[in-house]
C-alpha atoms as a PDB file:
ATOM      1  CA  MET A   1     123.714  75.329 110.219  1.00  0.00           C
ATOM      2  CA  ALA A   2     127.612  76.669 108.994  1.00  0.00           C
ATOM      3  CA  PHE A   3     127.357  75.628 105.591  1.00  0.00           C
ATOM      4  CA  ALA A   4     123.557  77.015 105.345  1.00  0.00           C
ATOM      5  CA  ALA A   5     125.327  80.421 106.343  1.00  0.00           C
ATOM      6  CA  ALA A   6     128.018  80.352 103.864  1.00  0.00           C
ATOM      7  CA  LEU A   7     125.595  79.466 101.188  1.00  0.00           C
ATOM      8  CA  SER A   8     123.586  82.150 101.780  1.00  0.00           C
ATOM      9  CA  LEU A   9     126.691  85.013 101.175  1.00  0.00           C
ATOM     10  CA  SER A  10     126.166  83.571  97.619  1.00  0.00           C
ATOM     11  CA  VAL A  11     122.872  82.457  96.910  1.00  0.00           C
ATOM     12  CA  PHE A  12     121.192  86.059  98.350  1.00  0.00           C
ATOM     13  CA  PRO A  13     123.249  88.289  96.185  1.00  0.00           C
ATOM     14  CA  ALA A  14     122.640  85.996  93.097  1.00  0.00           C
ATOM     15  CA  CYS A  15     119.243  86.616  93.780  1.00  0.00           C
ATOM     16  CA  GLY A  16     119.465  90.040  93.520  1.00  0.00           C
ATOM     17  CA  ILE A  17     118.406  90.723  97.195  1.00  0.00           C
ATOM     18  CA  TYR A  18     120.893  93.531  98.216  1.00  0.00           C
ATOM     19  CA  GLU A  19     120.727  95.490  94.787  1.00  0.00           C
ATOM     20  CA  ALA A  20     119.214  98.840  94.923  1.00  0.00           C
ATOM     21  CA  SER A  21     115.238  98.405  95.400  1.00  0.00           C
ATOM     22  CA  ARG A  22     113.578 101.404  94.431  1.00  0.00           C
ATOM     23  CA  ARG A  23     112.200 100.267  91.265  1.00  0.00           C
ATOM     24  CA  ARG A  24     110.945  96.884  92.641  1.00  0.00           C
ATOM     25  CA  SER A  25     107.814  96.360  94.919  1.00  0.00           C
ATOM     26  CA  PRO A  26     108.136  95.062  98.308  1.00  0.00           C
ATOM     27  CA  VAL A  27     106.120  91.894  97.286  1.00  0.00           C
ATOM     28  CA  HIS A  28     108.679  91.295  94.606  1.00  0.00           C
ATOM     29  CA  LEU A  29     111.906  91.800  97.093  1.00  0.00           C
ATOM     30  CA  ILE A  30     110.088  89.667  99.863  1.00  0.00           C
ATOM     31  CA  SER A  31     109.260  87.004  97.227  1.00  0.00           C
ATOM     32  CA  ARG A  32     112.855  86.911  96.179  1.00  0.00           C
ATOM     33  CA  THR A  33     113.992  86.448  99.839  1.00  0.00           C
ATOM     34  CA  ALA A  34     111.980  83.387 100.289  1.00  0.00           C
ATOM     35  CA  LEU A  35     113.037  82.242  97.058  1.00  0.00           C
ATOM     36  CA  ALA A  36     116.893  82.482  97.816  1.00  0.00           C
ATOM     37  CA  TRP A  37     115.990  80.848 101.623  1.00  0.00           C
ATOM     38  CA  LEU A  38     114.264  77.782  99.682  1.00  0.00           C
ATOM     39  CA  VAL A  39     117.338  77.485  97.477  1.00  0.00           C
ATOM     40  CA  VAL A  40     119.527  77.720 100.409  1.00  0.00           C
ATOM     41  CA  GLN A  41     117.907  75.101 102.184  1.00  0.00           C
ATOM     42  CA  GLY A  42     117.493  72.925  99.280  1.00  0.00           C
ATOM     43  CA  GLY A  43     121.374  72.941  99.308  1.00  0.00           C
ATOM     44  CA  THR A  44     121.613  72.361 103.084  1.00  0.00           C
ATOM     45  CA  VAL A  45     119.585  69.018 102.492  1.00  0.00           C
ATOM     46  CA  VAL A  46     121.653  67.707  99.709  1.00  0.00           C
ATOM     47  CA  LEU A  47     124.780  68.138 101.823  1.00  0.00           C
ATOM     48  CA  LEU A  48     123.419  66.370 104.644  1.00  0.00           C
ATOM     49  CA  TYR A  49     122.393  63.430 102.135  1.00  0.00           C
ATOM     50  CA  VAL A  50     125.568  63.063 100.231  1.00  0.00           C
ATOM     51  CA  LEU A  51     127.384  62.861 103.940  1.00  0.00           C
ATOM     52  CA  HIS A  52     125.027  60.493 105.371  1.00  0.00           C
ATOM     53  CA  ARG A  53     124.398  62.580 107.758  1.00  0.00           C
ATOM     54  CA  ALA A  54     121.087  63.324 107.684  1.00  0.00           C
ATOM     55  CA  GLN A  55     119.690  60.846 110.955  1.00  0.00           C
ATOM     56  CA  ILE A  56     121.741  63.245 112.972  1.00  0.00           C
ATOM     57  CA  LEU A  57     118.984  65.955 112.522  1.00  0.00           C
ATOM     58  CA  SER A  58     114.983  64.934 113.145  1.00  0.00           C
ATOM     59  CA  SER A  59     113.221  65.952 109.804  1.00  0.00           C
ATOM     60  CA  ALA A  60     110.402  67.667 112.318  1.00  0.00           C
ATOM     61  CA  TRP A  61     113.586  69.834 113.733  1.00  0.00           C
ATOM     62  CA  PHE A  62     114.937  70.484 110.179  1.00  0.00           C
ATOM     63  CA  VAL A  63     111.117  71.410 108.863  1.00  0.00           C
ATOM     64  CA  TYR A  64     110.975  73.961 112.235  1.00  0.00           C
ATOM     65  CA  TRP A  65     114.141  75.393 111.688  1.00  0.00           C
ATOM     66  CA  THR A  66     113.613  76.261 107.871  1.00  0.00           C
ATOM     67  CA  VAL A  67     109.974  77.501 108.397  1.00  0.00           C
ATOM     68  CA  THR A  68     110.827  79.771 111.270  1.00  0.00           C
ATOM     69  CA  THR A  69     113.939  81.116 110.065  1.00  0.00           C
ATOM     70  CA  GLY A  70     112.316  81.786 107.035  1.00  0.00           C
ATOM     71  CA  ILE A  71     109.573  83.746 108.393  1.00  0.00           C
ATOM     72  CA  GLY A  72     112.011  85.605 110.633  1.00  0.00           C
ATOM     73  CA  LEU A  73     113.857  86.770 107.112  1.00  0.00           C
ATOM     74  CA  LEU A  74     111.039  87.729 105.568  1.00  0.00           C
ATOM     75  CA  ILE A  75     109.756  89.777 108.748  1.00  0.00           C
ATOM     76  CA  PHE A  76     113.354  91.273 108.836  1.00  0.00           C
ATOM     77  CA  ARG A  77     112.938  92.518 104.760  1.00  0.00           C
ATOM     78  CA  ALA A  78     109.894  93.662 105.180  1.00  0.00           C
ATOM     79  CA  VAL A  79     110.375  96.005 108.496  1.00  0.00           C
ATOM     80  CA  THR A  80     113.631  97.063 106.483  1.00  0.00           C
ATOM     81  CA  LEU A  81     111.814  97.794 103.334  1.00  0.00           C
ATOM     82  CA  ALA A  82     108.789  99.295 105.429  1.00  0.00           C
ATOM     83  CA  ILE A  83     111.459 101.969 107.441  1.00  0.00           C
ATOM     84  CA  PHE A  84     113.639 102.806 104.331  1.00  0.00           C
ATOM     85  CA  GLY A  85     110.577 103.279 102.016  1.00  0.00           C
ATOM     86  CA  LEU A  86     109.154 105.622 104.861  1.00  0.00           C
ATOM     87  CA  VAL A  87     112.058 107.340 105.354  1.00  0.00           C
ATOM     88  CA  GLU A  88     112.486 107.951 101.596  1.00  0.00           C
ATOM     89  CA  ARG A  89     109.032 108.868 101.284  1.00  0.00           C
ATOM     90  CA  ALA A  90     108.698 111.401 103.910  1.00  0.00           C
ATOM     91  CA  SER A  91     111.719 113.073 102.804  1.00  0.00           C
ATOM     92  CA  ARG A  92     110.375 113.706  99.388  1.00  0.00           C
ATOM     93  CA  GLN A  93     107.176 114.905 100.621  1.00  0.00           C
ATOM     94  CA  VAL A  94     109.118 117.598 103.360  1.00  0.00           C
ATOM     95  CA  LYS A  95     110.989 118.815 100.110  1.00  0.00           C
ATOM     96  CA  ALA A  96     108.249 119.476  97.181  1.00  0.00           C
ATOM     97  CA  ALA A  97     104.712 119.717  99.229  1.00  0.00           C
ATOM     98  CA  THR A  98     103.947 122.874 100.707  1.00  0.00           C
ATOM     99  CA  LEU A  99     101.294 124.092 102.952  1.00  0.00           C
ATOM    100  CA  ASP A 100      98.786 124.923 100.547  1.00  0.00           C
ATOM    101  CA  GLN A 101      98.970 121.881  99.046  1.00  0.00           C
ATOM    102  CA  VAL A 102      98.258 119.113 101.819  1.00  0.00           C
ATOM    103  CA  GLY A 103      96.392 121.470 103.986  1.00  0.00           C
ATOM    104  CA  HIS A 104      96.387 121.821 107.572  1.00  0.00           C
ATOM    105  CA  VAL A 105      95.646 118.149 108.941  1.00  0.00           C
ATOM    106  CA  ALA A 106      98.278 116.500 106.119  1.00  0.00           C
ATOM    107  CA  GLN A 107     100.700 119.021 107.640  1.00  0.00           C
ATOM    108  CA  ARG A 108     100.448 118.436 110.838  1.00  0.00           C
ATOM    109  CA  MET A 109     100.668 114.626 110.863  1.00  0.00           C
ATOM    110  CA  ARG A 110     104.021 115.363 108.245  1.00  0.00           C
ATOM    111  CA  THR A 111     105.889 117.276 110.635  1.00  0.00           C
ATOM    112  CA  SER A 112     104.808 115.777 114.032  1.00  0.00           C
ATOM    113  CA  GLY A 113     103.662 112.370 113.142  1.00  0.00           C
ATOM    114  CA  ILE A 114     106.692 110.878 111.252  1.00  0.00           C
ATOM    115  CA  GLY A 115     107.813 108.638 114.023  1.00  0.00           C
ATOM    116  CA  LYS A 116     104.362 107.148 114.500  1.00  0.00           C
ATOM    117  CA  ARG A 117     103.643 106.683 110.929  1.00  0.00           C
ATOM    118  CA  ILE A 118     106.773 104.743 110.703  1.00  0.00           C
ATOM    119  CA  VAL A 119     106.191 102.539 113.481  1.00  0.00           C
ATOM    120  CA  LYS A 120     102.429 102.096 112.299  1.00  0.00           C
ATOM    121  CA  ARG A 121     104.015 100.921 108.975  1.00  0.00           C
ATOM    122  CA  VAL A 122     106.687  98.547 110.746  1.00  0.00           C
ATOM    123  CA  PHE A 123     103.793  96.696 112.505  1.00  0.00           C
ATOM    124  CA  ASP A 124     101.453  96.833 109.809  1.00  0.00           C
ATOM    125  CA  ILE A 125     104.101  94.822 107.396  1.00  0.00           C
ATOM    126  CA  ALA A 126     105.618  92.428 110.223  1.00  0.00           C
ATOM    127  CA  ALA A 127     101.905  91.385 111.117  1.00  0.00           C
ATOM    128  CA  ALA A 128     100.841  91.487 107.518  1.00  0.00           C
ATOM    129  CA  SER A 129     103.597  88.836 106.519  1.00  0.00           C
ATOM    130  CA  CYS A 130     103.115  86.554 109.215  1.00  0.00           C
ATOM    131  CA  LEU A 131      99.503  86.348 108.458  1.00  0.00           C
ATOM    132  CA  ILE A 132     100.077  85.451 104.801  1.00  0.00           C
ATOM    133  CA  ALA A 133     102.410  82.858 105.744  1.00  0.00           C
ATOM    134  CA  LEU A 134      99.952  81.416 108.503  1.00  0.00           C
ATOM    135  CA  LEU A 135      96.959  82.033 106.472  1.00  0.00           C
ATOM    136  CA  ALA A 136      98.264  80.322 103.028  1.00  0.00           C
ATOM    137  CA  PRO A 137      96.633  76.832 103.128  1.00  0.00           C
ATOM    138  CA  ALA A 138      93.252  78.605 103.951  1.00  0.00           C
ATOM    139  CA  LEU A 139      93.800  81.383 101.392  1.00  0.00           C
ATOM    140  CA  ALA A 140      94.262  78.422  98.819  1.00  0.00           C
ATOM    141  CA  VAL A 141      91.297  76.690  99.555  1.00  0.00           C
ATOM    142  CA  ILE A 142      89.187  79.581  99.622  1.00  0.00           C
ATOM    143  CA  ALA A 143      90.316  80.613  96.287  1.00  0.00           C
ATOM    144  CA  PHE A 144      89.971  77.246  94.589  1.00  0.00           C
ATOM    145  CA  LEU A 145      86.240  77.483  96.310  1.00  0.00           C
ATOM    146  CA  VAL A 146      85.476  80.541  94.386  1.00  0.00           C
ATOM    147  CA  LYS A 147      86.772  79.911  91.258  1.00  0.00           C
ATOM    148  CA  ARG A 148      84.693  76.525  90.658  1.00  0.00           C
ATOM    149  CA  ASP A 149      82.449  79.053  89.060  1.00  0.00           C
ATOM    150  CA  GLY A 150      84.760  79.721  86.128  1.00  0.00           C
ATOM    151  CA  GLY A 151      85.422  83.389  87.219  1.00  0.00           C
ATOM    152  CA  PRO A 152      88.736  84.651  88.923  1.00  0.00           C
ATOM    153  CA  ALA A 153      89.064  84.187  92.441  1.00  0.00           C
ATOM    154  CA  VAL A 154      90.286  87.672  93.554  1.00  0.00           C
ATOM    155  CA  PHE A 155      89.098  91.070  92.123  1.00  0.00           C
ATOM    156  CA  GLY A 156      90.066  94.440  92.945  1.00  0.00           C
ATOM    157  CA  HIS A 157      87.796  97.488  93.265  1.00  0.00           C
ATOM    158  CA  VAL A 158      89.148 101.213  93.100  1.00  0.00           C
ATOM    159  CA  ARG A 159      89.173 102.796  96.427  1.00  0.00           C
ATOM    160  CA  ILE A 160      90.710 106.329  97.296  1.00  0.00           C
ATOM    161  CA  GLY A 161      93.581 105.800  99.686  1.00  0.00           C
ATOM    162  CA  ARG A 162      95.853 108.588 101.620  1.00  0.00           C
ATOM    163  CA  ASP A 163      96.378 111.653  99.509  1.00  0.00           C
ATOM    164  CA  GLY A 164      93.395 110.994  97.294  1.00  0.00           C
ATOM    165  CA  ARG A 165      95.819 108.023  95.352  1.00  0.00           C
ATOM    166  CA  PRO A 166      93.430 105.192  93.841  1.00  0.00           C
ATOM    167  CA  PHE A 167      94.400 101.769  94.342  1.00  0.00           C
ATOM    168  CA  LYS A 168      92.769  98.263  93.901  1.00  0.00           C
ATOM    169  CA  CYS A 169      91.256  97.161  96.755  1.00  0.00           C
ATOM    170  CA  LEU A 170      91.458  93.394  96.638  1.00  0.00           C
ATOM    171  CA  LYS A 171      88.763  90.821  97.784  1.00  0.00           C
ATOM    172  CA  PHE A 172      87.978  87.441  97.156  1.00  0.00           C
ATOM    173  CA  ARG A 173      85.002  87.838  94.674  1.00  0.00           C
ATOM    174  CA  SER A 174      81.827  87.031  96.395  1.00  0.00           C
ATOM    175  CA  MET A 175      79.409  88.269  93.643  1.00  0.00           C
ATOM    176  CA  VAL A 176      78.253  86.568  90.393  1.00  0.00           C
ATOM    177  CA  MET A 177      80.109  87.620  87.006  1.00  0.00           C
ATOM    178  CA  ASN A 178      77.456  90.064  85.876  1.00  0.00           C
ATOM    179  CA  ALA A 179      77.236  91.868  89.122  1.00  0.00           C
ATOM    180  CA  ASP A 180      77.308  95.322  87.341  1.00  0.00           C
ATOM    181  CA  ALA A 181      74.595  94.282  85.279  1.00  0.00           C
ATOM    182  CA  VAL A 182      72.505  92.415  87.699  1.00  0.00           C
ATOM    183  CA  LEU A 183      72.806  95.687  89.832  1.00  0.00           C
ATOM    184  CA  LYS A 184      71.500  97.874  87.144  1.00  0.00           C
ATOM    185  CA  SER A 185      68.558  96.037  86.080  1.00  0.00           C
ATOM    186  CA  LEU A 186      67.740  95.873  89.810  1.00  0.00           C
ATOM    187  CA  LEU A 187      67.968  99.518  90.465  1.00  0.00           C
ATOM    188  CA  GLU A 188      65.924 100.566  87.604  1.00  0.00           C
ATOM    189  CA  ARG A 189      63.124  98.395  88.794  1.00  0.00           C
ATOM    190  CA  ASP A 190      63.374  98.540  92.665  1.00  0.00           C
ATOM    191  CA  PRO A 191      62.803 102.161  93.734  1.00  0.00           C
ATOM    192  CA  GLN A 192      63.613 101.072  97.555  1.00  0.00           C
ATOM    193  CA  ALA A 193      66.791  99.043  96.166  1.00  0.00           C
ATOM    194  CA  ARG A 194      67.937 102.435  94.440  1.00  0.00           C
ATOM    195  CA  ALA A 195      67.033 104.392  97.747  1.00  0.00           C
ATOM    196  CA  GLU A 196      68.862 102.591  99.620  1.00  0.00           C
ATOM    197  CA  TRP A 197      72.184 102.102  97.408  1.00  0.00           C
ATOM    198  CA  GLU A 198      72.381 105.825  96.822  1.00  0.00           C
ATOM    199  CA  ARG A 199      72.078 106.284 100.654  1.00  0.00           C
ATOM    200  CA  GLU A 200      74.524 103.435 101.655  1.00  0.00           C
ATOM    201  CA  PHE A 201      76.318 102.793  98.629  1.00  0.00           C
ATOM    202  CA  LYS A 202      75.526  99.303  99.432  1.00  0.00           C
ATOM    203  CA  LEU A 203      72.427  96.917  99.518  1.00  0.00           C
ATOM    204  CA  LYS A 204      71.567  94.514 102.773  1.00  0.00           C
ATOM    205  CA  ASN A 205      70.066  91.533 100.690  1.00  0.00           C
ATOM    206  CA  ASP A 206      72.095  92.125  97.743  1.00  0.00           C
ATOM    207  CA  VAL A 207      70.870  89.713  94.871  1.00  0.00           C
ATOM    208  CA  ARG A 208      74.586  89.327  92.927  1.00  0.00           C
ATOM    209  CA  ILE A 209      76.285  87.558  96.076  1.00  0.00           C
ATOM    210  CA  THR A 210      77.082  83.868  95.530  1.00  0.00           C
ATOM    211  CA  PRO A 211      76.103  81.473  97.938  1.00  0.00           C
ATOM    212  CA  ILE A 212      80.117  81.026  98.933  1.00  0.00           C
ATOM    213  CA  GLY A 213      80.089  84.929  98.942  1.00  0.00           C
ATOM    214  CA  ARG A 214      77.554  85.064 101.475  1.00  0.00           C
ATOM    215  CA  PHE A 215      79.743  82.870 103.602  1.00  0.00           C
ATOM    216  CA  LEU A 216      82.957  84.814 102.965  1.00  0.00           C
ATOM    217  CA  ARG A 217      81.115  88.145 103.794  1.00  0.00           C
ATOM    218  CA  ARG A 218      79.631  86.495 106.944  1.00  0.00           C
ATOM    219  CA  SER A 219      82.892  85.496 108.384  1.00  0.00           C
ATOM    220  CA  SER A 220      84.880  88.196 106.479  1.00  0.00           C
ATOM    221  CA  LEU A 221      87.114  86.002 104.781  1.00  0.00           C
ATOM    222  CA  ASP A 222      86.185  87.836 101.268  1.00  0.00           C
ATOM    223  CA  GLU A 223      88.594  90.821 102.823  1.00  0.00           C
ATOM    224  CA  LEU A 224      92.009  88.469 103.614  1.00  0.00           C
ATOM    225  CA  PRO A 225      93.564  89.074 100.063  1.00  0.00           C
ATOM    226  CA  GLN A 226      93.763  92.926 101.633  1.00  0.00           C
ATOM    227  CA  LEU A 227      96.886  91.637 103.720  1.00  0.00           C
ATOM    228  CA  MET A 228      98.638  91.721 100.150  1.00  0.00           C
ATOM    229  CA  ASN A 229      97.451  96.023  99.720  1.00  0.00           C
ATOM    230  CA  VAL A 230      98.786  96.225 103.608  1.00  0.00           C
ATOM    231  CA  VAL A 231     102.348  94.808 102.546  1.00  0.00           C
ATOM    232  CA  ARG A 232     102.184  96.900  99.273  1.00  0.00           C
ATOM    233  CA  GLY A 233     101.866 100.100 101.458  1.00  0.00           C
ATOM    234  CA  GLU A 234      98.135 100.945 100.030  1.00  0.00           C
ATOM    235  CA  MET A 235      96.537 100.044 103.045  1.00  0.00           C
ATOM    236  CA  SER A 236      96.825  99.513 106.883  1.00  0.00           C
ATOM    237  CA  LEU A 237      95.503  96.582 109.129  1.00  0.00           C
ATOM    238  CA  VAL A 238      93.419  99.752 111.200  1.00  0.00           C
ATOM    239  CA  GLY A 239      92.356 102.622 109.573  1.00  0.00           C
ATOM    240  CA  PRO A 240      89.507 104.705 107.813  1.00  0.00           C
ATOM    241  CA  ARG A 241      87.019 102.801 106.161  1.00  0.00           C
ATOM    242  CA  PRO A 242      88.013 102.287 102.004  1.00  0.00           C
ATOM    243  CA  ILE A 243      85.629 104.326 100.071  1.00  0.00           C
ATOM    244  CA  VAL A 244      85.246 104.985  96.305  1.00  0.00           C
ATOM    245  CA  GLU A 245      85.526 108.438  94.876  1.00  0.00           C
ATOM    246  CA  ALA A 246      82.117 109.099  94.558  1.00  0.00           C
ATOM    247  CA  GLU A 247      81.932 109.018  98.589  1.00  0.00           C
ATOM    248  CA  LEU A 248      84.269 111.503  99.029  1.00  0.00           C
ATOM    249  CA  ALA A 249      82.040 114.448  98.849  1.00  0.00           C
ATOM    250  CA  ARG A 250      79.621 112.931 101.160  1.00  0.00           C
ATOM    251  CA  TYR A 251      82.916 113.558 104.059  1.00  0.00           C
ATOM    252  CA  GLY A 252      82.590 117.400 103.445  1.00  0.00           C
ATOM    253  CA  ASP A 253      85.138 119.384 105.510  1.00  0.00           C
ATOM    254  CA  ASP A 254      86.103 115.910 107.157  1.00  0.00           C
ATOM    255  CA  VAL A 255      87.515 114.644 103.803  1.00  0.00           C
ATOM    256  CA  ARG A 256      90.753 115.995 104.894  1.00  0.00           C
ATOM    257  CA  TYR A 257      90.942 113.414 107.770  1.00  0.00           C
ATOM    258  CA  TYR A 258      90.170 110.489 105.561  1.00  0.00           C
ATOM    259  CA  LEU A 259      93.191 111.501 102.748  1.00  0.00           C
ATOM    260  CA  ALA A 260      95.663 111.980 105.758  1.00  0.00           C
ATOM    261  CA  ALA A 261      95.750 108.206 106.405  1.00  0.00           C
ATOM    262  CA  LYS A 262      95.497 105.014 104.518  1.00  0.00           C
ATOM    263  CA  PRO A 263      92.582 103.127 104.575  1.00  0.00           C
ATOM    264  CA  GLY A 264      92.237  99.827 106.866  1.00  0.00           C
ATOM    265  CA  MET A 265      91.502  96.510 106.848  1.00  0.00           C
ATOM    266  CA  THR A 266      89.234  97.107 109.897  1.00  0.00           C
ATOM    267  CA  GLY A 267      88.611 100.345 111.949  1.00  0.00           C
ATOM    268  CA  LEU A 268      86.211 101.889 114.613  1.00  0.00           C
ATOM    269  CA  TRP A 269      83.317 101.474 112.096  1.00  0.00           C
ATOM    270  CA  GLN A 270      84.278  97.772 112.072  1.00  0.00           C
ATOM    271  CA  VAL A 271      83.484  97.398 116.086  1.00  0.00           C
ATOM    272  CA  SER A 272      80.890  99.765 116.687  1.00  0.00           C
ATOM    273  CA  GLY A 273      78.288  97.994 114.477  1.00  0.00           C
ATOM    274  CA  ARG A 274      79.896  97.421 111.320  1.00  0.00           C
ATOM    275  CA  ASN A 275      77.281  97.547 108.235  1.00  0.00           C
ATOM    276  CA  ASP A 276      74.626  98.473 110.541  1.00  0.00           C
ATOM    277  CA  THR A 277      75.669 101.749 111.236  1.00  0.00           C
ATOM    278  CA  SER A 278      74.477 104.975 109.510  1.00  0.00           C
ATOM    279  CA  TYR A 279      76.630 106.667 106.789  1.00  0.00           C
ATOM    280  CA  ALA A 280      77.135 110.179 108.996  1.00  0.00           C
ATOM    281  CA  THR A 281      78.531 107.717 112.115  1.00  0.00           C
ATOM    282  CA  ARG A 282      81.053 105.650 109.734  1.00  0.00           C
ATOM    283  CA  VAL A 283      82.162 109.203 109.015  1.00  0.00           C
ATOM    284  CA  SER A 284      82.548 110.515 112.226  1.00  0.00           C
ATOM    285  CA  LEU A 285      84.297 107.301 113.378  1.00  0.00           C
ATOM    286  CA  ASP A 286      86.941 107.600 110.434  1.00  0.00           C
ATOM    287  CA  VAL A 287      87.571 111.074 111.976  1.00  0.00           C
ATOM    288  CA  SER A 288      87.888 110.199 115.056  1.00  0.00           C
ATOM    289  CA  TYR A 289      90.243 107.526 114.688  1.00  0.00           C
ATOM    290  CA  VAL A 290      92.686 109.734 112.718  1.00  0.00           C
ATOM    291  CA  LYS A 291      92.480 112.383 115.358  1.00  0.00           C
ATOM    292  CA  GLU A 292      93.332 110.093 118.154  1.00  0.00           C
ATOM    293  CA  TRP A 293      95.449 107.459 116.518  1.00  0.00           C
ATOM    294  CA  SER A 294      97.912 105.180 118.805  1.00  0.00           C
ATOM    295  CA  LEU A 295      99.411 101.716 118.539  1.00  0.00           C
ATOM    296  CA  ARG A 296      97.937 100.943 121.839  1.00  0.00           C
ATOM    297  CA  ARG A 297      94.180 101.671 119.753  1.00  0.00           C
ATOM    298  CA  ASP A 298      95.242  99.877 116.607  1.00  0.00           C
ATOM    299  CA  LEU A 299      95.719  96.410 118.796  1.00  0.00           C
ATOM    300  CA  THR A 300      92.470  97.376 120.653  1.00  0.00           C
ATOM    301  CA  ILE A 301      90.615  97.541 117.703  1.00  0.00           C
ATOM    302  CA  LEU A 302      92.508  94.284 116.369  1.00  0.00           C
ATOM    303  CA  LEU A 303      91.282  92.606 119.261  1.00  0.00           C
ATOM    304  CA  LYS A 304      87.615  93.706 119.092  1.00  0.00           C
ATOM    305  CA  THR A 305      87.647  92.944 115.411  1.00  0.00           C
ATOM    306  CA  VAL A 306      88.263  89.302 116.287  1.00  0.00           C
ATOM    307  CA  ASN A 307      85.088  89.144 118.363  1.00  0.00           C
ATOM    308  CA  VAL A 308      83.217  91.032 115.916  1.00  0.00           C
ATOM    309  CA  VAL A 309      83.924  88.841 112.799  1.00  0.00           C
ATOM    310  CA  LEU A 310      83.622  85.634 115.138  1.00  0.00           C
ATOM    311  CA  ARG A 311      80.028  86.593 116.267  1.00  0.00           C
ATOM    312  CA  GLY A 312      79.070  88.091 112.610  1.00  0.00           C
ATOM    313  CA  SER A 313      78.113  91.010 113.544  1.00  0.00           C
ATOM    314  CA  GLY A 314      76.500  93.833 110.951  1.00  0.00           C
ATOM    315  CA  ALA A 315      77.864  91.526 108.403  1.00  0.00           C
ATOM    316  CA  TYR A 316      76.052  91.236 105.165  1.00  0.00           C
END
């Protein structure tokens, strides 16, 4: 352990982990941390082998120590990035923004909710990092199954985030490669499907979905890549339903509440009927969530989400 600690003092700076990180993404910095730790552990294994003392430590214990310590380093690095990133961003917003630019809701959240936002961000990035590490084998298997038809495993659809910033919301691809052409053809020849699309921006019996995609949607596994959106700060584990730009107008005056928060992987809409709820109900649930946010409520929603996903309620 002493050798590993000493080696870390050389390897971690060499990997640029302690350099100014303003222009580098959280994913880049976290991956550098993981790489540095693997190098340190590799050096430790070599030393033990050279000294013929490998039998002193069991393989199981060494693997356990490597994994748990590595995850701990990733969480610590992620939390540090989250705290300093939020403080820096909040400072810039306070200096640059005015009440007329952001509106009453955003101003109130900035002046009285900075502490809550930091707590939420720290929780998001720590939990998402752990989930990515734990689910890595499952993510690899799903990606392999999706790619069997020759298309990409993951795609990003543009959604609107906090303060109106667009971002690519990641998902495992669940549709055929020519999904846009299939949708256009369907809406042109099927008035009922066109009316459903104009009303809900989705179809209950969507002919574009592949067999593996239907399973992924039913089980909500198609949304797991959004954990990377959470780590990058584009989404939260819990929040309003991510929407496209065309849907903003349907929120009316309540759009300011949606734009004041990060979209979530899950939310009140997910545990309150999901796709079976009307559009107006979804909007009211989003507004209610933003108005009454608390960490306790986020934890409650996450626990309820597990039950909803296992039952497959409202998923299609």
